[in-house]
Amino acid sequence: MDNALNRKEFLKKFSLMGVAAVGASTLITACGGGGEQTETAQAPAASAADPCTDVSGLTENDLQMRANVNYVEQTEIPEQRCDNCQLYKQPENGGCGGCLLFAGPVTAAGWCSSWVPNQG
C-alpha cells in the first residue's frame, strides 16, 4: 500500500480541515458563555438612555476600530469635539452623527485621537 499523498489529495484534505475549523469556531462563538449574554442584556438599557451611545449592533472589528482611535463619547478637550472635526458625518433627520473612520453612532461631544479641525 502506498500511503503517500499527492498534491491534489493534500489540498483537498487541508481545505476540509480548514472548513471544519471555521465551522467549529463559528459554532463555539454562537453558543458562547454567560459573560457575553450579560453584556448583550445590558446594551439595550444603554440604548434606551441615549441611542447615540448604543453600540450593540456593531461587530468586534467595528468595536476594535473605535478603540484603536481612542474614541470617547465626551471629550476632555473642549475645542476638539466630533462635531467640529473634518471626519464627522452630520446626523440625518435628527439622529446620531457618524465618522468616516469607523462604524456606529458618534456623539457630537465625542473625541478620538484622529481628530482633524473642520476646514469648512
PDB file of N, CA and C in Angstrom:
ATOM      1  N   MET A   1       0.826  -1.187   0.000  1.00  0.00           N
ATOM      2  CA  MET A   1       0.000   0.000   0.000  1.00  0.00           C
ATOM      3  C   MET A   1       0.870   1.250   0.000  1.00  0.00           C
ATOM      4  N   ASP A   2       0.486   2.191  -0.805  1.00  0.00           N
ATOM      5  CA  ASP A   2       1.216   3.443  -0.885  1.00  0.00           C
ATOM      6  C   ASP A   2       0.424   4.521  -0.150  1.00  0.00           C
ATOM      7  N   ASN A   3       0.952   4.998   0.993  1.00  0.00           N
ATOM      8  CA  ASN A   3       0.260   5.986   1.814  1.00  0.00           C
ATOM      9  C   ASN A   3       0.653   7.422   1.469  1.00  0.00           C
ATOM     10  N   ALA A   4       1.464   7.616   0.475  1.00  0.00           N
ATOM     11  CA  ALA A   4       1.898   8.960   0.102  1.00  0.00           C
ATOM     12  C   ALA A   4       0.734   9.729  -0.524  1.00  0.00           C
ATOM     13  N   LEU A   5       0.582  10.982  -0.108  1.00  0.00           N
ATOM     14  CA  LEU A   5      -0.466  11.838  -0.657  1.00  0.00           C
ATOM     15  C   LEU A   5       0.089  12.642  -1.819  1.00  0.00           C
ATOM     16  N   ASN A   6      -0.717  12.726  -2.868  1.00  0.00           N
ATOM     17  CA  ASN A   6      -0.299  13.620  -3.937  1.00  0.00           C
ATOM     18  C   ASN A   6      -0.804  15.027  -3.610  1.00  0.00           C
ATOM     19  N   ARG A   7      -0.400  15.972  -4.383  1.00  0.00           N
ATOM     20  CA  ARG A   7      -0.724  17.375  -4.104  1.00  0.00           C
ATOM     21  C   ARG A   7      -2.237  17.608  -4.072  1.00  0.00           C
ATOM     22  N   LYS A   8      -2.954  17.024  -5.002  1.00  0.00           N
ATOM     23  CA  LYS A   8      -4.398  17.204  -5.085  1.00  0.00           C
ATOM     24  C   LYS A   8      -5.086  16.675  -3.826  1.00  0.00           C
ATOM     25  N   GLU A   9      -4.712  15.505  -3.373  1.00  0.00           N
ATOM     26  CA  GLU A   9      -5.309  14.918  -2.171  1.00  0.00           C
ATOM     27  C   GLU A   9      -4.955  15.735  -0.929  1.00  0.00           C
ATOM     28  N   PHE A  10      -3.709  16.192  -0.865  1.00  0.00           N
ATOM     29  CA  PHE A  10      -3.290  17.008   0.275  1.00  0.00           C
ATOM     30  C   PHE A  10      -4.119  18.286   0.361  1.00  0.00           C
ATOM     31  N   LEU A  11      -4.257  18.998  -0.755  1.00  0.00           N
ATOM     32  CA  LEU A  11      -5.027  20.242  -0.760  1.00  0.00           C
ATOM     33  C   LEU A  11      -6.491  19.997  -0.419  1.00  0.00           C
ATOM     34  N   LYS A  12      -7.020  18.891  -0.893  1.00  0.00           N
ATOM     35  CA  LYS A  12      -8.414  18.555  -0.604  1.00  0.00           C
ATOM     36  C   LYS A  12      -8.607  18.329   0.895  1.00  0.00           C
ATOM     37  N   LYS A  13      -7.731  17.544   1.507  1.00  0.00           N
ATOM     38  CA  LYS A  13      -7.848  17.262   2.939  1.00  0.00           C
ATOM     39  C   LYS A  13      -7.565  18.512   3.769  1.00  0.00           C
ATOM     40  N   PHE A  14      -6.589  19.295   3.351  1.00  0.00           N
ATOM     41  CA  PHE A  14      -6.253  20.525   4.066  1.00  0.00           C
ATOM     42  C   PHE A  14      -7.424  21.506   4.027  1.00  0.00           C
ATOM     43  N   SER A  15      -8.081  21.623   2.879  1.00  0.00           N
ATOM     44  CA  SER A  15      -9.238  22.510   2.745  1.00  0.00           C
ATOM     45  C   SER A  15     -10.384  22.050   3.627  1.00  0.00           C
ATOM     46  N   LEU A  16     -10.632  20.758   3.674  1.00  0.00           N
ATOM     47  CA  LEU A  16     -11.702  20.229   4.519  1.00  0.00           C
ATOM     48  C   LEU A  16     -11.424  20.500   5.993  1.00  0.00           C
ATOM     49  N   MET A  17     -10.165  20.374   6.397  1.00  0.00           N
ATOM     50  CA  MET A  17      -9.827  20.662   7.795  1.00  0.00           C
ATOM     51  C   MET A  17     -10.032  22.152   8.092  1.00  0.00           C
ATOM     52  N   GLY A  18      -9.719  23.019   7.151  1.00  0.00           N
ATOM     53  CA  GLY A  18      -9.927  24.451   7.340  1.00  0.00           C
ATOM     54  C   GLY A  18     -11.399  24.799   7.480  1.00  0.00           C
ATOM     55  N   VAL A  19     -12.230  24.190   6.632  1.00  0.00           N
ATOM     56  CA  VAL A  19     -13.671  24.421   6.710  1.00  0.00           C
ATOM     57  C   VAL A  19     -14.205  23.917   8.043  1.00  0.00           C
ATOM     58  N   ALA A  20     -13.730  22.763   8.487  1.00  0.00           N
ATOM     59  CA  ALA A  20     -14.172  22.214   9.771  1.00  0.00           C
ATOM     60  C   ALA A  20     -13.760  23.130  10.921  1.00  0.00           C
ATOM     61  N   ALA A  21     -12.566  23.691  10.869  1.00  0.00           N
ATOM     62  CA  ALA A  21     -12.098  24.586  11.930  1.00  0.00           C
ATOM     63  C   ALA A  21     -12.937  25.862  11.981  1.00  0.00           C
ATOM     64  N   VAL A  22     -13.242  26.431  10.822  1.00  0.00           N
ATOM     65  CA  VAL A  22     -14.071  27.636  10.777  1.00  0.00           C
ATOM     66  C   VAL A  22     -15.473  27.327  11.288  1.00  0.00           C
ATOM     67  N   GLY A  23     -16.026  26.190  10.890  1.00  0.00           N
ATOM     68  CA  GLY A  23     -17.353  25.795  11.357  1.00  0.00           C
ATOM     69  C   GLY A  23     -17.392  25.601  12.857  1.00  0.00           C
ATOM     70  N   ALA A  24     -16.375  24.949  13.398  1.00  0.00           N
ATOM     71  CA  ALA A  24     -16.317  24.729  14.843  1.00  0.00           C
ATOM     72  C   ALA A  24     -16.182  26.055  15.582  1.00  0.00           C
ATOM     73  N   SER A  25     -15.367  26.943  15.061  1.00  0.00           N
ATOM     74  CA  SER A  25     -15.187  28.257  15.686  1.00  0.00           C
ATOM     75  C   SER A  25     -16.497  29.041  15.687  1.00  0.00           C
ATOM     76  N   THR A  26     -17.211  28.997  14.577  1.00  0.00           N
ATOM     77  CA  THR A  26     -18.498  29.687  14.481  1.00  0.00           C
ATOM     78  C   THR A  26     -19.501  29.104  15.459  1.00  0.00           C
ATOM     79  N   LEU A  27     -19.535  27.793  15.562  1.00  0.00           N
ATOM     80  CA  LEU A  27     -20.456  27.126  16.476  1.00  0.00           C
ATOM     81  C   LEU A  27     -20.144  27.479  17.923  1.00  0.00           C
ATOM     82  N   ILE A  28     -18.875  27.480  18.276  1.00  0.00           N
ATOM     83  CA  ILE A  28     -18.483  27.816  19.649  1.00  0.00           C
ATOM     84  C   ILE A  28     -18.845  29.267  19.961  1.00  0.00           C
ATOM     85  N   THR A  29     -18.617  30.166  19.017  1.00  0.00           N
ATOM     86  CA  THR A  29     -18.958  31.572  19.220  1.00  0.00           C
ATOM     87  C   THR A  29     -20.466  31.753  19.371  1.00  0.00           C
ATOM     88  N   ALA A  30     -21.237  31.055  18.545  1.00  0.00           N
ATOM     89  CA  ALA A  30     -22.694  31.171  18.601  1.00  0.00           C
ATOM     90  C   ALA A  30     -23.256  30.641  19.912  1.00  0.00           C
ATOM     91  N   CYS A  31     -22.595  29.672  20.498  1.00  0.00           N
ATOM     92  CA  CYS A  31     -23.054  29.079  21.755  1.00  0.00           C
ATOM     93  C   CYS A  31     -22.271  29.634  22.931  1.00  0.00           C
ATOM     94  N   GLY A  32     -21.753  30.855  22.806  1.00  0.00           N
ATOM     95  CA  GLY A  32     -20.857  31.476  23.779  1.00  0.00           C
ATOM     96  C   GLY A  32     -21.324  31.400  25.214  1.00  0.00           C
ATOM     97  N   GLY A  33     -20.427  31.799  26.105  1.00  0.00           N
ATOM     98  CA  GLY A  33     -20.661  31.706  27.532  1.00  0.00           C
ATOM     99  C   GLY A  33     -21.580  32.782  28.063  1.00  0.00           C
ATOM    100  N   GLY A  34     -21.841  32.727  29.366  1.00  0.00           N
ATOM    101  CA  GLY A  34     -22.757  33.636  30.024  1.00  0.00           C
ATOM    102  C   GLY A  34     -22.286  35.073  30.045  1.00  0.00           C
ATOM    103  N   GLY A  35     -20.977  35.323  30.007  1.00  0.00           N
ATOM    104  CA  GLY A  35     -20.457  36.684  30.047  1.00  0.00           C
ATOM    105  C   GLY A  35     -20.950  37.520  28.884  1.00  0.00           C
ATOM    106  N   GLU A  36     -20.987  36.949  27.702  1.00  0.00           N
ATOM    107  CA  GLU A  36     -21.453  37.683  26.539  1.00  0.00           C
ATOM    108  C   GLU A  36     -22.939  37.984  26.651  1.00  0.00           C
ATOM    109  N   GLN A  37     -23.706  37.064  27.212  1.00  0.00           N
ATOM    110  CA  GLN A  37     -25.135  37.283  27.344  1.00  0.00           C
ATOM    111  C   GLN A  37     -25.414  38.432  28.297  1.00  0.00           C
ATOM    112  N   THR A  38     -24.633  38.562  29.340  1.00  0.00           N
ATOM    113  CA  THR A  38     -24.821  39.647  30.292  1.00  0.00           C
ATOM    114  C   THR A  38     -24.572  40.990  29.622  1.00  0.00           C
ATOM    115  N   GLU A  39     -23.512  41.082  28.818  1.00  0.00           N
ATOM    116  CA  GLU A  39     -23.212  42.332  28.130  1.00  0.00           C
ATOM    117  C   GLU A  39     -24.319  42.677  27.150  1.00  0.00           C
ATOM    118  N   THR A  40     -24.834  41.683  26.424  1.00  0.00           N
ATOM    119  CA  THR A  40     -25.897  41.915  25.466  1.00  0.00           C
ATOM    120  C   THR A  40     -27.163  42.374  26.170  1.00  0.00           C
ATOM    121  N   ALA A  41     -27.433  41.810  27.337  1.00  0.00           N
ATOM    122  CA  ALA A  41     -28.632  42.189  28.074  1.00  0.00           C
ATOM    123  C   ALA A  41     -28.534  43.628  28.570  1.00  0.00           C
ATOM    124  N   GLN A  42     -27.334  44.113  28.851  1.00  0.00           N
ATOM    125  CA  GLN A  42     -27.166  45.465  29.351  1.00  0.00           C
ATOM    126  C   GLN A  42     -27.158  46.499  28.229  1.00  0.00           C
ATOM    127  N   ALA A  43     -26.802  46.105  27.024  1.00  0.00           N
ATOM    128  CA  ALA A  43     -26.700  47.047  25.920  1.00  0.00           C
ATOM    129  C   ALA A  43     -28.025  47.754  25.608  1.00  0.00           C
ATOM    130  N   PRO A  44     -29.183  47.056  25.580  1.00  0.00           N
ATOM    131  CA  PRO A  44     -30.422  47.772  25.294  1.00  0.00           C
ATOM    132  C   PRO A  44     -30.736  48.853  26.327  1.00  0.00           C
ATOM    133  N   ALA A  45     -30.349  48.664  27.578  1.00  0.00           N
ATOM    134  CA  ALA A  45     -30.593  49.683  28.594  1.00  0.00           C
ATOM    135  C   ALA A  45     -29.829  50.959  28.248  1.00  0.00           C
ATOM    136  N   ALA A  46     -28.602  50.807  27.765  1.00  0.00           N
ATOM    137  CA  ALA A  46     -27.812  51.974  27.375  1.00  0.00           C
ATOM    138  C   ALA A  46     -28.444  52.667  26.173  1.00  0.00           C
ATOM    139  N   SER A  47     -28.956  51.883  25.226  1.00  0.00           N
ATOM    140  CA  SER A  47     -29.538  52.478  24.034  1.00  0.00           C
ATOM    141  C   SER A  47     -30.832  53.203  24.351  1.00  0.00           C
ATOM    142  N   ALA A  48     -31.570  52.751  25.374  1.00  0.00           N
ATOM    143  CA  ALA A  48     -32.800  53.426  25.752  1.00  0.00           C
ATOM    144  C   ALA A  48     -32.485  54.811  26.308  1.00  0.00           C
ATOM    145  N   ALA A  49     -31.372  54.944  27.014  1.00  0.00           N
ATOM    146  CA  ALA A  49     -30.988  56.228  27.589  1.00  0.00           C
ATOM    147  C   ALA A  49     -30.523  57.194  26.498  1.00  0.00           C
ATOM    148  N   ASP A  50     -29.685  56.749  25.588  1.00  0.00           N
ATOM    149  CA  ASP A  50     -29.167  57.600  24.520  1.00  0.00           C
ATOM    150  C   ASP A  50     -28.817  56.726  23.319  1.00  0.00           C
ATOM    151  N   PRO A  51     -29.582  56.802  22.244  1.00  0.00           N
ATOM    152  CA  PRO A  51     -29.310  55.950  21.085  1.00  0.00           C
ATOM    153  C   PRO A  51     -27.948  56.223  20.448  1.00  0.00           C
ATOM    154  N   CYS A  52     -27.366  57.385  20.716  1.00  0.00           N
ATOM    155  CA  CYS A  52     -26.060  57.699  20.132  1.00  0.00           C
ATOM    156  C   CYS A  52     -24.911  57.001  20.853  1.00  0.00           C
ATOM    157  N   THR A  53     -25.211  56.297  21.937  1.00  0.00           N
ATOM    158  CA  THR A  53     -24.180  55.532  22.640  1.00  0.00           C
ATOM    159  C   THR A  53     -24.405  54.034  22.493  1.00  0.00           C
ATOM    160  N   ASP A  54     -25.421  53.631  21.729  1.00  0.00           N
ATOM    161  CA  ASP A  54     -25.746  52.214  21.555  1.00  0.00           C
ATOM    162  C   ASP A  54     -24.831  51.580  20.512  1.00  0.00           C
ATOM    163  N   VAL A  55     -23.946  50.703  20.959  1.00  0.00           N
ATOM    164  CA  VAL A  55     -23.028  50.012  20.054  1.00  0.00           C
ATOM    165  C   VAL A  55     -23.346  48.520  19.988  1.00  0.00           C
ATOM    166  N   SER A  56     -24.533  48.133  20.432  1.00  0.00           N
ATOM    167  CA  SER A  56     -24.888  46.713  20.491  1.00  0.00           C
ATOM    168  C   SER A  56     -24.942  46.058  19.115  1.00  0.00           C
ATOM    169  N   GLY A  57     -25.158  46.816  18.051  1.00  0.00           N
ATOM    170  CA  GLY A  57     -25.232  46.245  16.716  1.00  0.00           C
ATOM    171  C   GLY A  57     -23.899  46.173  15.991  1.00  0.00           C
ATOM    172  N   LEU A  58     -22.828  46.566  16.643  1.00  0.00           N
ATOM    173  CA  LEU A  58     -21.518  46.584  15.990  1.00  0.00           C
ATOM    174  C   LEU A  58     -20.795  45.255  16.141  1.00  0.00           C
ATOM    175  N   THR A  59     -19.941  44.952  15.178  1.00  0.00           N
ATOM    176  CA  THR A  59     -19.131  43.736  15.232  1.00  0.00           C
ATOM    177  C   THR A  59     -17.899  43.979  16.103  1.00  0.00           C
ATOM    178  N   GLU A  60     -17.202  42.905  16.419  1.00  0.00           N
ATOM    179  CA  GLU A  60     -15.959  43.029  17.187  1.00  0.00           C
ATOM    180  C   GLU A  60     -14.949  43.898  16.442  1.00  0.00           C
ATOM    181  N   ASN A  61     -14.892  43.751  15.114  1.00  0.00           N
ATOM    182  CA  ASN A  61     -13.968  44.570  14.319  1.00  0.00           C
ATOM    183  C   ASN A  61     -14.329  46.048  14.406  1.00  0.00           C
ATOM    184  N   ASP A  62     -15.645  46.346  14.362  1.00  0.00           N
ATOM    185  CA  ASP A  62     -16.088  47.738  14.488  1.00  0.00           C
ATOM    186  C   ASP A  62     -15.687  48.311  15.845  1.00  0.00           C
ATOM    187  N   LEU A  63     -15.914  47.542  16.894  1.00  0.00           N
ATOM    188  CA  LEU A  63     -15.567  47.996  18.241  1.00  0.00           C
ATOM    189  C   LEU A  63     -14.061  48.182  18.393  1.00  0.00           C
ATOM    190  N   GLN A  64     -13.292  47.288  17.771  1.00  0.00           N
ATOM    191  CA  GLN A  64     -11.834  47.388  17.839  1.00  0.00           C
ATOM    192  C   GLN A  64     -11.345  48.650  17.136  1.00  0.00           C
ATOM    193  N   MET A  65     -11.963  48.980  16.003  1.00  0.00           N
ATOM    194  CA  MET A  65     -11.561  50.191  15.280  1.00  0.00           C
ATOM    195  C   MET A  65     -11.837  51.429  16.122  1.00  0.00           C
ATOM    196  N   ARG A  66     -12.984  51.459  16.812  1.00  0.00           N
ATOM    197  CA  ARG A  66     -13.305  52.584  17.695  1.00  0.00           C
ATOM    198  C   ARG A  66     -12.258  52.689  18.803  1.00  0.00           C
ATOM    199  N   ALA A  67     -11.857  51.542  19.339  1.00  0.00           N
ATOM    200  CA  ALA A  67     -10.846  51.524  20.402  1.00  0.00           C
ATOM    201  C   ALA A  67      -9.481  51.968  19.869  1.00  0.00           C
ATOM    202  N   ASN A  68      -9.161  51.574  18.643  1.00  0.00           N
ATOM    203  CA  ASN A  68      -7.860  51.927  18.060  1.00  0.00           C
ATOM    204  C   ASN A  68      -7.661  53.434  17.941  1.00  0.00           C
ATOM    205  N   VAL A  69      -8.741  54.170  17.723  1.00  0.00           N
ATOM    206  CA  VAL A  69      -8.627  55.629  17.609  1.00  0.00           C
ATOM    207  C   VAL A  69      -8.983  56.320  18.927  1.00  0.00           C
ATOM    208  N   ASN A  70      -9.115  55.528  19.999  1.00  0.00           N
ATOM    209  CA  ASN A  70      -9.369  56.048  21.355  1.00  0.00           C
ATOM    210  C   ASN A  70     -10.645  56.882  21.450  1.00  0.00           C
ATOM    211  N   TYR A  71     -11.699  56.468  20.724  1.00  0.00           N
ATOM    212  CA  TYR A  71     -12.953  57.221  20.732  1.00  0.00           C
ATOM    213  C   TYR A  71     -13.564  57.250  22.129  1.00  0.00           C
ATOM    214  N   VAL A  72     -13.987  58.438  22.546  1.00  0.00           N
ATOM    215  CA  VAL A  72     -14.730  58.626  23.796  1.00  0.00           C
ATOM    216  C   VAL A  72     -15.979  59.441  23.479  1.00  0.00           C
ATOM    217  N   GLU A  73     -17.035  59.220  24.249  1.00  0.00           N
ATOM    218  CA  GLU A  73     -18.311  59.885  23.995  1.00  0.00           C
ATOM    219  C   GLU A  73     -18.341  61.327  24.489  1.00  0.00           C
ATOM    220  N   GLN A  74     -17.433  61.680  25.398  1.00  0.00           N
ATOM    221  CA  GLN A  74     -17.371  63.038  25.941  1.00  0.00           C
ATOM    222  C   GLN A  74     -15.909  63.485  25.961  1.00  0.00           C
ATOM    223  N   THR A  75     -15.588  64.498  25.185  1.00  0.00           N
ATOM    224  CA  THR A  75     -14.213  64.983  25.104  1.00  0.00           C
ATOM    225  C   THR A  75     -13.788  65.707  26.379  1.00  0.00           C
ATOM    226  N   GLU A  76     -12.503  65.663  26.650  1.00  0.00           N
ATOM    227  CA  GLU A  76     -11.920  66.444  27.742  1.00  0.00           C
ATOM    228  C   GLU A  76     -11.220  67.685  27.195  1.00  0.00           C
ATOM    229  N   ILE A  77     -11.248  67.836  25.872  1.00  0.00           N
ATOM    230  CA  ILE A  77     -10.621  68.975  25.201  1.00  0.00           C
ATOM    231  C   ILE A  77     -11.748  69.762  24.520  1.00  0.00           C
ATOM    232  N   PRO A  78     -12.270  70.798  25.166  1.00  0.00           N
ATOM    233  CA  PRO A  78     -13.459  71.493  24.665  1.00  0.00           C
ATOM    234  C   PRO A  78     -13.374  71.956  23.208  1.00  0.00           C
ATOM    235  N   GLU A  79     -12.203  72.347  22.746  1.00  0.00           N
ATOM    236  CA  GLU A  79     -12.093  72.831  21.369  1.00  0.00           C
ATOM    237  C   GLU A  79     -11.932  71.703  20.350  1.00  0.00           C
ATOM    238  N   GLN A  80     -11.841  70.464  20.811  1.00  0.00           N
ATOM    239  CA  GLN A  80     -11.745  69.315  19.913  1.00  0.00           C
ATOM    240  C   GLN A  80     -12.925  68.388  20.184  1.00  0.00           C
ATOM    241  N   ARG A  81     -13.967  68.569  19.397  1.00  0.00           N
ATOM    242  CA  ARG A  81     -15.185  67.766  19.517  1.00  0.00           C
ATOM    243  C   ARG A  81     -15.459  67.100  18.175  1.00  0.00           C
ATOM    244  N   CYS A  82     -16.192  66.009  18.206  1.00  0.00           N
ATOM    245  CA  CYS A  82     -16.534  65.344  16.950  1.00  0.00           C
ATOM    246  C   CYS A  82     -17.285  66.275  16.004  1.00  0.00           C
ATOM    247  N   ASP A  83     -18.186  67.094  16.544  1.00  0.00           N
ATOM    248  CA  ASP A  83     -18.989  67.944  15.664  1.00  0.00           C
ATOM    249  C   ASP A  83     -18.208  69.094  15.028  1.00  0.00           C
ATOM    250  N   ASN A  84     -16.938  69.294  15.396  1.00  0.00           N
ATOM    251  CA  ASN A  84     -16.116  70.270  14.672  1.00  0.00           C
ATOM    252  C   ASN A  84     -14.881  69.597  14.060  1.00  0.00           C
ATOM    253  N   CYS A  85     -15.025  68.306  13.779  1.00  0.00           N
ATOM    254  CA  CYS A  85     -13.962  67.507  13.147  1.00  0.00           C
ATOM    255  C   CYS A  85     -14.274  67.317  11.664  1.00  0.00           C
ATOM    256  N   GLN A  86     -13.257  67.335  10.843  1.00  0.00           N
ATOM    257  CA  GLN A  86     -13.402  67.138   9.405  1.00  0.00           C
ATOM    258  C   GLN A  86     -13.976  65.757   9.070  1.00  0.00           C
ATOM    259  N   LEU A  87     -13.771  64.766   9.920  1.00  0.00           N
ATOM    260  CA  LEU A  87     -14.192  63.393   9.651  1.00  0.00           C
ATOM    261  C   LEU A  87     -15.608  63.084  10.138  1.00  0.00           C
ATOM    262  N   TYR A  88     -16.238  64.033  10.816  1.00  0.00           N
ATOM    263  CA  TYR A  88     -17.575  63.837  11.381  1.00  0.00           C
ATOM    264  C   TYR A  88     -18.640  63.875  10.291  1.00  0.00           C
ATOM    265  N   LYS A  89     -19.566  62.918  10.344  1.00  0.00           N
ATOM    266  CA  LYS A  89     -20.707  62.893   9.427  1.00  0.00           C
ATOM    267  C   LYS A  89     -21.907  63.452  10.182  1.00  0.00           C
ATOM    268  N   GLN A  90     -22.464  64.536   9.682  1.00  0.00           N
ATOM    269  CA  GLN A  90     -23.600  65.186  10.326  1.00  0.00           C
ATOM    270  C   GLN A  90     -24.789  64.225  10.415  1.00  0.00           C
ATOM    271  N   PRO A  91     -25.556  64.300  11.510  1.00  0.00           N
ATOM    272  CA  PRO A  91     -26.716  63.423  11.658  1.00  0.00           C
ATOM    273  C   PRO A  91     -27.799  63.749  10.635  1.00  0.00           C
ATOM    274  N   GLU A  92     -28.503  62.701  10.226  1.00  0.00           N
ATOM    275  CA  GLU A  92     -29.619  62.871   9.303  1.00  0.00           C
ATOM    276  C   GLU A  92     -30.917  62.731  10.086  1.00  0.00           C
ATOM    277  N   ASN A  93     -31.864  63.590   9.827  1.00  0.00           N
ATOM    278  CA  ASN A  93     -33.187  63.533  10.455  1.00  0.00           C
ATOM    279  C   ASN A  93     -33.116  63.560  11.974  1.00  0.00           C
ATOM    280  N   GLY A  94     -32.217  64.334  12.525  1.00  0.00           N
ATOM    281  CA  GLY A  94     -32.131  64.456  13.976  1.00  0.00           C
ATOM    282  C   GLY A  94     -31.541  63.251  14.678  1.00  0.00           C
ATOM    283  N   GLY A  95     -30.950  62.338  13.939  1.00  0.00           N
ATOM    284  CA  GLY A  95     -30.360  61.143  14.542  1.00  0.00           C
ATOM    285  C   GLY A  95     -28.964  61.397  15.076  1.00  0.00           C
ATOM    286  N   CYS A  96     -28.197  60.340  15.134  1.00  0.00           N
ATOM    287  CA  CYS A  96     -26.826  60.410  15.640  1.00  0.00           C
ATOM    288  C   CYS A  96     -25.864  60.693  14.495  1.00  0.00           C
ATOM    289  N   GLY A  97     -24.768  61.329  14.833  1.00  0.00           N
ATOM    290  CA  GLY A  97     -23.729  61.565  13.850  1.00  0.00           C
ATOM    291  C   GLY A  97     -22.937  60.290  13.592  1.00  0.00           C
ATOM    292  N   GLY A  98     -21.992  60.384  12.690  1.00  0.00           N
ATOM    293  CA  GLY A  98     -21.138  59.254  12.367  1.00  0.00           C
ATOM    294  C   GLY A  98     -19.719  59.728  12.121  1.00  0.00           C
ATOM    295  N   CYS A  99     -18.867  58.793  11.722  1.00  0.00           N
ATOM    296  CA  CYS A  99     -17.469  59.117  11.459  1.00  0.00           C
ATOM    297  C   CYS A  99     -17.019  58.407  10.191  1.00  0.00           C
ATOM    298  N   LEU A 100     -16.136  59.041   9.452  1.00  0.00           N
ATOM    299  CA  LEU A 100     -15.595  58.429   8.243  1.00  0.00           C
ATOM    300  C   LEU A 100     -14.616  57.304   8.554  1.00  0.00           C
ATOM    301  N   LEU A 101     -14.122  57.236   9.788  1.00  0.00           N
ATOM    302  CA  LEU A 101     -13.109  56.246  10.144  1.00  0.00           C
ATOM    303  C   LEU A 101     -13.664  54.945  10.697  1.00  0.00           C
ATOM    304  N   PHE A 102     -14.817  54.996  11.364  1.00  0.00           N
ATOM    305  CA  PHE A 102     -15.346  53.786  11.992  1.00  0.00           C
ATOM    306  C   PHE A 102     -16.864  53.769  11.950  1.00  0.00           C
ATOM    307  N   ALA A 103     -17.426  52.596  12.154  1.00  0.00           N
ATOM    308  CA  ALA A 103     -18.873  52.396  12.094  1.00  0.00           C
ATOM    309  C   ALA A 103     -19.528  52.720  13.424  1.00  0.00           C
ATOM    310  N   GLY A 104     -20.820  52.963  13.358  1.00  0.00           N
ATOM    311  CA  GLY A 104     -21.610  53.157  14.561  1.00  0.00           C
ATOM    312  C   GLY A 104     -21.890  54.613  14.860  1.00  0.00           C
ATOM    313  N   PRO A 105     -22.744  54.832  15.852  1.00  0.00           N
ATOM    314  CA  PRO A 105     -23.123  56.196  16.207  1.00  0.00           C
ATOM    315  C   PRO A 105     -21.983  56.952  16.876  1.00  0.00           C
ATOM    316  N   VAL A 106     -21.999  58.268  16.694  1.00  0.00           N
ATOM    317  CA  VAL A 106     -20.976  59.139  17.270  1.00  0.00           C
ATOM    318  C   VAL A 106     -21.681  60.314  17.939  1.00  0.00           C
ATOM    319  N   THR A 107     -21.300  60.611  19.166  1.00  0.00           N
ATOM    320  CA  THR A 107     -21.873  61.771  19.847  1.00  0.00           C
ATOM    321  C   THR A 107     -21.168  63.038  19.379  1.00  0.00           C
ATOM    322  N   ALA A 108     -21.917  64.119  19.290  1.00  0.00           N
ATOM    323  CA  ALA A 108     -21.345  65.395  18.850  1.00  0.00           C
ATOM    324  C   ALA A 108     -20.246  65.865  19.792  1.00  0.00           C
ATOM    325  N   ALA A 109     -20.375  65.546  21.075  1.00  0.00           N
ATOM    326  CA  ALA A 109     -19.395  65.971  22.081  1.00  0.00           C
ATOM    327  C   ALA A 109     -18.252  64.976  22.238  1.00  0.00           C
ATOM    328  N   GLY A 110     -18.190  63.975  21.371  1.00  0.00           N
ATOM    329  CA  GLY A 110     -17.152  62.954  21.463  1.00  0.00           C
ATOM    330  C   GLY A 110     -15.805  63.432  20.945  1.00  0.00           C
ATOM    331  N   TRP A 111     -14.837  62.524  20.977  1.00  0.00           N
ATOM    332  CA  TRP A 111     -13.477  62.839  20.527  1.00  0.00           C
ATOM    333  C   TRP A 111     -12.752  61.539  20.218  1.00  0.00           C
ATOM    334  N   CYS A 112     -11.781  61.593  19.305  1.00  0.00           N
ATOM    335  CA  CYS A 112     -10.859  60.476  19.084  1.00  0.00           C
ATOM    336  C   CYS A 112      -9.490  61.037  18.719  1.00  0.00           C
ATOM    337  N   SER A 113      -8.495  60.180  18.763  1.00  0.00           N
ATOM    338  CA  SER A 113      -7.118  60.618  18.517  1.00  0.00           C
ATOM    339  C   SER A 113      -6.864  60.990  17.057  1.00  0.00           C
ATOM    340  N   SER A 114      -7.837  60.742  16.180  1.00  0.00           N
ATOM    341  CA  SER A 114      -7.697  61.124  14.775  1.00  0.00           C
ATOM    342  C   SER A 114      -8.408  62.433  14.460  1.00  0.00           C
ATOM    343  N   TRP A 115      -8.757  63.191  15.492  1.00  0.00           N
ATOM    344  CA  TRP A 115      -9.476  64.456  15.302  1.00  0.00           C
ATOM    345  C   TRP A 115      -8.702  65.380  14.372  1.00  0.00           C
ATOM    346  N   VAL A 116      -9.432  65.965  13.406  1.00  0.00           N
ATOM    347  CA  VAL A 116      -8.863  66.901  12.436  1.00  0.00           C
ATOM    348  C   VAL A 116      -9.775  68.127  12.410  1.00  0.00           C
ATOM    349  N   PRO A 117      -9.239  69.343  12.514  1.00  0.00           N
ATOM    350  CA  PRO A 117     -10.110  70.520  12.502  1.00  0.00           C
ATOM    351  C   PRO A 117     -10.919  70.609  11.210  1.00  0.00           C
ATOM    352  N   ASN A 118     -12.179  70.962  11.358  1.00  0.00           N
ATOM    353  CA  ASN A 118     -13.065  71.094  10.204  1.00  0.00           C
ATOM    354  C   ASN A 118     -12.633  72.283   9.360  1.00  0.00           C
ATOM    355  N   GLN A 119     -12.449  72.051   8.067  1.00  0.00           N
ATOM    356  CA  GLN A 119     -11.984  73.100   7.157  1.00  0.00           C
ATOM    357  C   GLN A 119     -13.133  73.900   6.552  1.00  0.00           C
ATOM    358  N   GLY A 120     -14.357  73.445   6.779  1.00  0.00           N
ATOM    359  CA  GLY A 120     -15.468  74.124   6.123  1.00  0.00           C
ATOM    360  C   GLY A 120     -16.429  74.642   7.019  1.00  0.00           C
TER     361      GLY A 120
END
